[in-house]
Each structure stands twice: as C-alpha cells, then as structure tokens.
Amino acid sequence: MKQLLILSGKGGTGKTTLAGAFIQLSKAKAYADCDVDAPNLHLLLSRSYAPKRTDYYGLPKAEIDKDVCIQCDLCRQNCRFEAIHADPEYKVNHYLCEGCGVCEAVCPVQAVLLKPAVAGELMLYVNDSVFSTAQLKMGSGTSGKLVTEVKKEMKSAAKDVKLAIIDGSPGIGCPVIASLSGVDMVLLVAEPSLSGISDMERIIRTAERFHTKIAVCINKYDTNMENTERIESFCQKHKLPFAGRIPFDPDAVKAINNAQSIVDIDCAAGRAAGDVFEKTINILKN
C-alpha cells in the first residue's frame, strides 16, 4: 500500500479540503483522518452506514478508594501535577493526572490505584471503501499513539488496497510525527502568508527527518503573489518538487458549506486541485 500524507505547517491552509478532493479524484478505497484533536474529513465524505466504534485507552489515571484512604496527605504532597485535592475527601482530577504512579507508590495503605482510562474513540467505516478516523477526548494526551492506531486500523482493514490518502494534523507535534511514520510521500499545502511560509519551512524540516518524498503546493495562491513567488523560489532552491497552485475561489467555500468536495462541482479551485493531484501522483510513482 502506497500512503500519501497531506500536511500543512498551520491550520486553515485547506489541507482537509485538498485531501477530500484527492479521495474523490483517486476513487480511493482507503483513507484516514489523523487530525484526532479536531477531525473533520468526514464532513466532506458523508457515510450512510455506521462505523465500528472502539474505545481508545491512553495513559492510566489514578483513583483513590475513600474507604481505604487514611488521609495521610502523602499523595497530594508528592503529586507534581497538583491533580489531587482534599475537599474533604481525597479526589483525583483526571484532567490534571498524568498517570505517573507516584501517588500509588507513596500511599502506605494502597488506597491509590492506577486504572485504565478512556482517552478517545476510534471509528472505522468499512463498506466499498475503508475510512479510519478518531476523536481524542478533551484534555487527553497521547495523540500520537491514537494516530498510530488510526493508521493501523486502516491498513488492517484494507490490506489489498494500492493507494491510501491520509489527512494529517496541522503543526509539527506528536500527531504529525506519528502520521509521518511509514508513509511514502508527503504533500505540503502552503499558504502565501508570512506565518504560512514560516510554518511550511518547519514542517519541511520535520518531514525530511523521515527520508520520505516531499512535494509542495500553494492554496489561495492569488491572495499574495509576492509570497507565492517566495514559496516557489524556496522549492527551487531546496530542490523540492512543486505540485502547483490553487486559487482562492468563493465557489469552493460554497461547496464545503454544502458538505461537498471542491471537485464535486465545476469551479476554478476544483480544476486546479485536479492538476495538483495528477502531478502529485506522478511524483509518488517516480
């Protein structure tokens, strides 16, 4: 299975919009949304059937047995995350608890136990195609581990599929790093703004560490032609394949608001996305 990952150094560049277009254009039989903090690819790819839902367990959380607790206060004193409070019974704030186990270790009567805690939910849609996604619970950590599980579920359910499209997370954090692991190519969606250029350079440095193919395209290129030319010059200087430009298009906004992909309608952005798709697939194959 060839895996094409679509990333951006920042949010709002149109990464998910382009991922949805690529899925439609390739008639992909396997795809995933690895933006587990705020997944929204499903909004462009409505499904009439229910997914298989699986609880995801992240870090364990401490729990205090009030019937055993002698209120010695050692757990609260030794918790560096200030997750334990006495009001008047000793309780653990699961949003603050990091599951380090210090409270369990110092408790003289074994009133504190680390227990598995649900940190999110995996969702796998399987019909004529395979769509894997997940939602991390608010305040939960281990987003990178959840992304890894999303990819595992997709690959397990679509073993014979030749191409998978993966919508990654913005930024360069743990979910992006987990998304990058094992993919064959990364398409970076850049935005012609100062922050967009800076974040593009950061994500390129991150992706280069994985020794995978990298290509760049520019979305909303005509909002700042000077910065568009700067991005293209950067690609030429660093010998990065350039996959093309997509214009700002009010019709694309209307399509997205109607839960459609930009290639579901006839619009300038959709036609340009088609050109970017063809160039990207050629880079992936070569």
Protein backbone atom coordinates (compact mmCIF):
# COMPACT_ATOMS: atom_id res chain seq x y z
CA MET A 1 0.00 0.00 0.00
CA LYS A 2 1.32 3.41 -1.02
CA GLN A 3 0.48 6.06 1.58
CA LEU A 4 0.12 9.71 0.56
CA LEU A 5 0.02 12.06 3.54
CA ILE A 6 -1.29 15.62 3.20
CA LEU A 7 0.08 18.07 5.76
CA SER A 8 0.37 21.77 6.46
CA GLY A 9 2.50 23.63 8.95
CA LYS A 10 -0.53 25.53 10.24
CA GLY A 11 -4.28 25.27 10.39
CA GLY A 12 -6.59 26.84 7.82
CA THR A 13 -4.46 26.25 4.73
CA GLY A 14 -7.03 23.98 3.06
CA LYS A 15 -5.31 20.69 3.84
CA THR A 16 -8.53 18.77 4.54
CA THR A 17 -10.24 20.37 1.56
CA LEU A 18 -7.47 19.08 -0.70
CA ALA A 19 -7.49 15.66 0.98
CA GLY A 20 -11.21 15.34 0.28
CA ALA A 21 -10.62 16.28 -3.35
CA PHE A 22 -7.81 13.73 -3.71
CA ILE A 23 -10.00 10.99 -2.25
CA GLN A 24 -12.70 11.75 -4.82
CA LEU A 25 -10.28 12.06 -7.75
CA SER A 26 -8.43 8.83 -6.93
CA LYS A 27 -11.62 6.95 -6.03
CA ALA A 28 -9.59 5.90 -3.00
CA LYS A 29 -10.51 2.64 -1.32
CA ALA A 30 -8.62 3.54 1.84
CA TYR A 31 -8.24 6.85 3.61
CA ALA A 32 -7.83 8.22 7.10
CA ASP A 33 -8.24 11.39 9.12
CA CYS A 34 -5.32 11.62 11.52
CA ASP A 35 -6.26 15.03 12.93
CA VAL A 36 -7.55 13.32 16.07
CA ASP A 37 -7.88 16.55 18.06
CA ALA A 38 -10.35 18.02 15.56
CA PRO A 39 -11.27 15.51 12.83
CA ASN A 40 -13.46 16.96 10.09
CA LEU A 41 -12.73 14.99 6.91
CA HIS A 42 -15.99 13.09 7.48
CA LEU A 43 -17.91 16.33 6.83
CA LEU A 44 -16.85 16.18 3.17
CA LEU A 45 -17.34 12.42 2.87
CA SER A 46 -20.75 11.65 4.29
CA ARG A 47 -21.44 8.00 5.07
CA SER A 48 -24.88 6.38 5.21
CA TYR A 49 -23.65 3.47 7.33
CA ALA A 50 -22.50 3.37 10.95
CA PRO A 51 -18.84 2.89 11.89
CA LYS A 52 -17.33 0.30 14.15
CA ARG A 53 -16.54 2.19 17.35
CA THR A 54 -13.72 1.22 19.71
CA ASP A 55 -12.67 2.91 22.93
CA TYR A 56 -9.07 4.08 22.97
CA TYR A 57 -7.20 3.84 26.26
CA GLY A 58 -4.37 6.28 26.75
CA LEU A 59 -2.45 6.87 29.96
CA PRO A 60 -3.89 5.29 33.13
CA LYS A 61 -5.41 7.60 35.72
CA ALA A 62 -5.14 7.45 39.49
CA GLU A 63 -8.18 6.67 41.62
CA ILE A 64 -8.42 6.89 45.40
CA ASP A 65 -10.51 4.42 47.39
CA LYS A 66 -12.12 6.62 50.04
CA ASP A 67 -12.91 3.59 52.22
CA VAL A 68 -9.24 2.66 52.45
CA CYS A 69 -7.70 6.17 52.44
CA ILE A 70 -6.34 7.29 55.83
CA GLN A 71 -5.89 10.90 54.65
CA CYS A 72 -2.15 10.94 55.32
CA ASP A 73 -1.80 13.55 52.54
CA LEU A 74 1.32 11.93 51.05
CA CYS A 75 -0.31 11.52 47.64
CA ARG A 76 -1.26 15.17 47.42
CA GLN A 77 2.13 16.38 48.68
CA ASN A 78 4.02 14.29 46.11
CA CYS A 79 1.83 14.97 43.07
CA ARG A 80 3.84 17.39 40.92
CA PHE A 81 0.80 17.96 38.68
CA GLU A 82 -1.42 19.12 41.56
CA ALA A 83 -4.06 16.62 40.46
CA ILE A 84 -5.08 15.50 43.97
CA HIS A 85 -7.35 17.59 46.17
CA ALA A 86 -8.94 17.11 49.57
CA ASP A 87 -12.46 18.59 49.73
CA PRO A 88 -12.86 16.97 52.31
CA GLU A 89 -12.36 13.52 50.74
CA TYR A 90 -9.27 12.95 48.63
CA LYS A 91 -10.07 13.01 44.91
CA VAL A 92 -8.13 12.96 41.65
CA ASN A 93 -8.74 15.47 38.88
CA HIS A 94 -8.41 13.28 35.77
CA TYR A 95 -7.77 16.29 33.56
CA LEU A 96 -4.57 17.02 35.51
CA CYS A 97 -3.48 13.46 36.27
CA GLU A 98 -0.62 12.24 34.04
CA GLY A 99 -0.69 8.65 35.28
CA CYS A 100 2.91 8.78 36.56
CA GLY A 101 2.16 6.48 39.52
CA VAL A 102 3.94 8.45 42.25
CA CYS A 103 0.76 8.68 44.34
CA GLU A 104 0.30 4.92 44.12
CA ALA A 105 3.92 4.33 45.15
CA VAL A 106 3.86 6.58 48.23
CA CYS A 107 0.46 5.51 49.58
CA PRO A 108 1.13 3.45 52.76
CA VAL A 109 -2.24 1.62 52.65
CA GLN A 110 -2.60 1.03 48.88
CA ALA A 111 -5.62 3.29 48.65
CA VAL A 112 -4.43 4.67 45.28
CA LEU A 113 -4.59 2.58 42.14
CA LEU A 114 -3.79 3.38 38.51
CA LYS A 115 -6.69 2.32 36.31
CA PRO A 116 -7.15 2.33 32.53
CA ALA A 117 -8.95 5.45 31.31
CA VAL A 118 -10.76 6.03 28.03
CA ALA A 119 -8.90 8.80 26.20
CA GLY A 120 -10.76 8.76 22.90
CA GLU A 121 -12.71 6.78 20.37
CA LEU A 122 -11.64 5.04 17.17
CA MET A 123 -14.14 4.90 14.29
CA LEU A 124 -13.74 2.58 11.31
CA TYR A 125 -16.10 2.75 8.34
CA VAL A 126 -15.95 -0.33 6.13
CA ASN A 127 -18.11 -0.77 3.04
CA ASP A 128 -16.99 -0.27 -0.54
CA SER A 129 -14.07 1.69 0.95
CA VAL A 130 -12.25 1.91 4.29
CA PHE A 131 -12.26 5.14 6.27
CA SER A 132 -10.42 5.29 9.60
CA THR A 133 -10.68 8.21 12.00
CA ALA A 134 -10.75 9.00 15.72
CA GLN A 135 -11.67 11.65 18.25
CA LEU A 136 -9.44 12.37 21.23
CA LYS A 137 -11.26 13.33 24.43
CA MET A 138 -10.78 16.88 25.63
CA GLY A 139 -7.78 17.14 27.91
CA SER A 140 -6.38 13.75 26.95
CA GLY A 141 -2.78 13.25 25.89
CA THR A 142 -1.10 10.58 23.75
CA SER A 143 -2.50 11.99 20.49
CA GLY A 144 0.43 10.45 18.64
CA LYS A 145 -0.45 6.95 19.87
CA LEU A 146 -4.04 7.44 18.77
CA VAL A 147 -2.89 8.50 15.28
CA THR A 148 -0.83 5.31 15.09
CA GLU A 149 -3.94 3.28 15.95
CA VAL A 150 -5.95 5.09 13.25
CA LYS A 151 -3.36 4.13 10.63
CA LYS A 152 -3.15 0.55 11.91
CA GLU A 153 -6.92 0.11 11.62
CA MET A 154 -6.92 1.49 8.08
CA LYS A 155 -4.10 -0.80 6.93
CA SER A 156 -5.57 -3.85 8.66
CA ALA A 157 -8.98 -3.38 7.01
CA ALA A 158 -7.59 -2.52 3.55
CA LYS A 159 -4.71 -4.94 3.07
CA ASP A 160 -5.02 -5.24 -0.73
CA VAL A 161 -5.52 -1.53 -1.47
CA LYS A 162 -2.77 0.08 -3.57
CA LEU A 163 -3.19 3.74 -2.51
CA ALA A 164 -4.25 5.33 0.77
CA ILE A 165 -4.87 9.06 1.29
CA ILE A 166 -4.16 10.36 4.80
CA ASP A 167 -5.28 13.75 6.10
CA GLY A 168 -2.79 14.78 8.78
CA SER A 169 -2.81 17.34 11.58
CA PRO A 170 -1.61 20.94 11.38
CA GLY A 171 1.65 21.86 13.08
CA ILE A 172 4.70 19.67 13.77
CA GLY A 173 3.70 17.98 17.05
CA CYS A 174 3.18 14.35 18.10
CA PRO A 175 0.20 13.60 15.81
CA VAL A 176 2.13 14.90 12.79
CA ILE A 177 5.19 12.84 13.66
CA ALA A 178 3.02 9.73 14.09
CA SER A 179 1.32 10.49 10.76
CA LEU A 180 4.69 10.77 9.00
CA SER A 181 5.91 7.39 10.18
CA GLY A 182 5.86 4.85 7.37
CA VAL A 183 4.31 6.98 4.62
CA ASP A 184 5.65 7.04 1.07
CA MET A 185 5.13 10.72 0.31
CA VAL A 186 4.09 13.98 1.92
CA LEU A 187 2.25 16.75 0.07
CA LEU A 188 2.57 20.04 1.94
CA VAL A 189 -0.20 22.57 1.45
CA ALA A 190 1.35 26.01 1.86
CA GLU A 191 -0.35 29.34 2.38
CA PRO A 192 1.14 32.54 0.88
CA SER A 193 1.43 34.43 4.17
CA LEU A 194 4.39 35.14 6.44
CA SER A 195 3.19 32.65 9.05
CA GLY A 196 2.37 30.18 6.30
CA ILE A 197 5.91 30.35 4.91
CA SER A 198 7.49 30.03 8.35
CA ASP A 199 5.34 27.02 9.24
CA MET A 200 5.96 25.44 5.84
CA GLU A 201 9.70 25.58 6.46
CA ARG A 202 9.24 23.97 9.90
CA ILE A 203 7.16 21.08 8.59
CA ILE A 204 9.63 20.51 5.75
CA ARG A 205 12.48 20.19 8.27
CA THR A 206 10.35 17.76 10.27
CA ALA A 207 9.38 15.65 7.25
CA GLU A 208 12.98 15.50 5.97
CA ARG A 209 13.97 13.54 9.07
CA PHE A 210 11.75 10.69 7.89
CA HIS A 211 13.53 10.49 4.49
CA THR A 212 10.26 10.45 2.59
CA LYS A 213 9.34 12.18 -0.66
CA ILE A 214 8.13 15.76 -0.19
CA ALA A 215 6.20 17.96 -2.60
CA VAL A 216 4.64 21.40 -2.10
CA CYS A 217 1.54 23.08 -3.46
CA ILE A 218 0.11 26.53 -2.71
CA ASN A 219 -3.52 27.10 -1.82
CA LYS A 220 -5.15 30.52 -2.25
CA TYR A 221 -2.00 31.50 -4.17
CA ASP A 222 -3.54 34.66 -5.63
CA THR A 223 -4.12 36.28 -2.23
CA ASN A 224 -0.44 37.29 -2.13
CA MET A 225 1.57 36.83 -5.30
CA GLU A 226 4.82 38.04 -3.72
CA ASN A 227 4.71 35.32 -1.07
CA THR A 228 3.63 32.76 -3.66
CA GLU A 229 6.79 33.53 -5.62
CA ARG A 230 8.83 33.25 -2.42
CA ILE A 231 7.46 29.75 -1.80
CA GLU A 232 8.19 28.66 -5.36
CA SER A 233 11.72 30.07 -5.13
CA PHE A 234 12.22 28.21 -1.85
CA CYS A 235 11.20 24.96 -3.54
CA GLN A 236 13.58 25.57 -6.45
CA LYS A 237 16.46 26.39 -4.10
CA HIS A 238 15.93 23.26 -1.99
CA LYS A 239 15.07 21.03 -4.98
CA LEU A 240 11.58 20.23 -3.73
CA PRO A 241 9.01 19.17 -6.35
CA PHE A 242 6.33 21.82 -6.82
CA ALA A 243 2.87 20.35 -7.45
CA GLY A 244 1.03 23.53 -8.42
CA ARG A 245 -1.18 26.43 -7.40
CA ILE A 246 -4.82 26.55 -6.32
CA PRO A 247 -6.64 29.92 -6.43
CA PHE A 248 -8.90 31.39 -3.80
CA ASP A 249 -12.39 30.51 -5.00
CA PRO A 250 -15.71 31.61 -3.41
CA ASP A 251 -17.39 28.66 -5.14
CA ALA A 252 -15.11 26.32 -3.18
CA VAL A 253 -16.37 27.87 0.04
CA LYS A 254 -19.96 27.26 -1.05
CA ALA A 255 -19.17 23.63 -1.89
CA ILE A 256 -17.60 23.00 1.51
CA ASN A 257 -20.54 24.64 3.28
CA ASN A 258 -22.77 22.20 1.41
CA ALA A 259 -20.61 19.23 2.57
CA GLN A 260 -19.21 18.74 -0.93
CA SER A 261 -15.69 18.32 -2.20
CA ILE A 262 -14.33 21.07 -4.45
CA VAL A 263 -14.16 18.52 -7.28
CA ASP A 264 -17.85 17.67 -6.93
CA ILE A 265 -18.68 20.96 -8.65
CA ASP A 266 -17.23 22.83 -11.61
CA CYS A 267 -15.06 25.55 -10.11
CA ALA A 268 -11.59 27.04 -10.56
CA ALA A 269 -10.27 25.57 -7.30
CA GLY A 270 -11.54 22.11 -8.23
CA ARG A 271 -9.92 22.21 -11.66
CA ALA A 272 -6.62 23.36 -10.15
CA ALA A 273 -6.85 20.63 -7.48
CA GLY A 274 -7.17 18.11 -10.33
CA ASP A 275 -3.90 19.35 -11.83
CA VAL A 276 -2.18 19.21 -8.43
CA PHE A 277 -3.48 15.66 -7.96
CA GLU A 278 -2.04 14.47 -11.29
CA LYS A 279 1.37 16.00 -10.57
CA THR A 280 1.38 14.57 -7.05
CA ILE A 281 0.58 11.04 -8.22
CA ASN A 282 3.35 11.25 -10.84
CA ILE A 283 5.84 12.30 -8.14
CA LEU A 284 4.64 9.45 -5.91
CA LYS A 285 5.12 6.88 -8.70
CA ASN A 286 8.58 8.07 -9.78
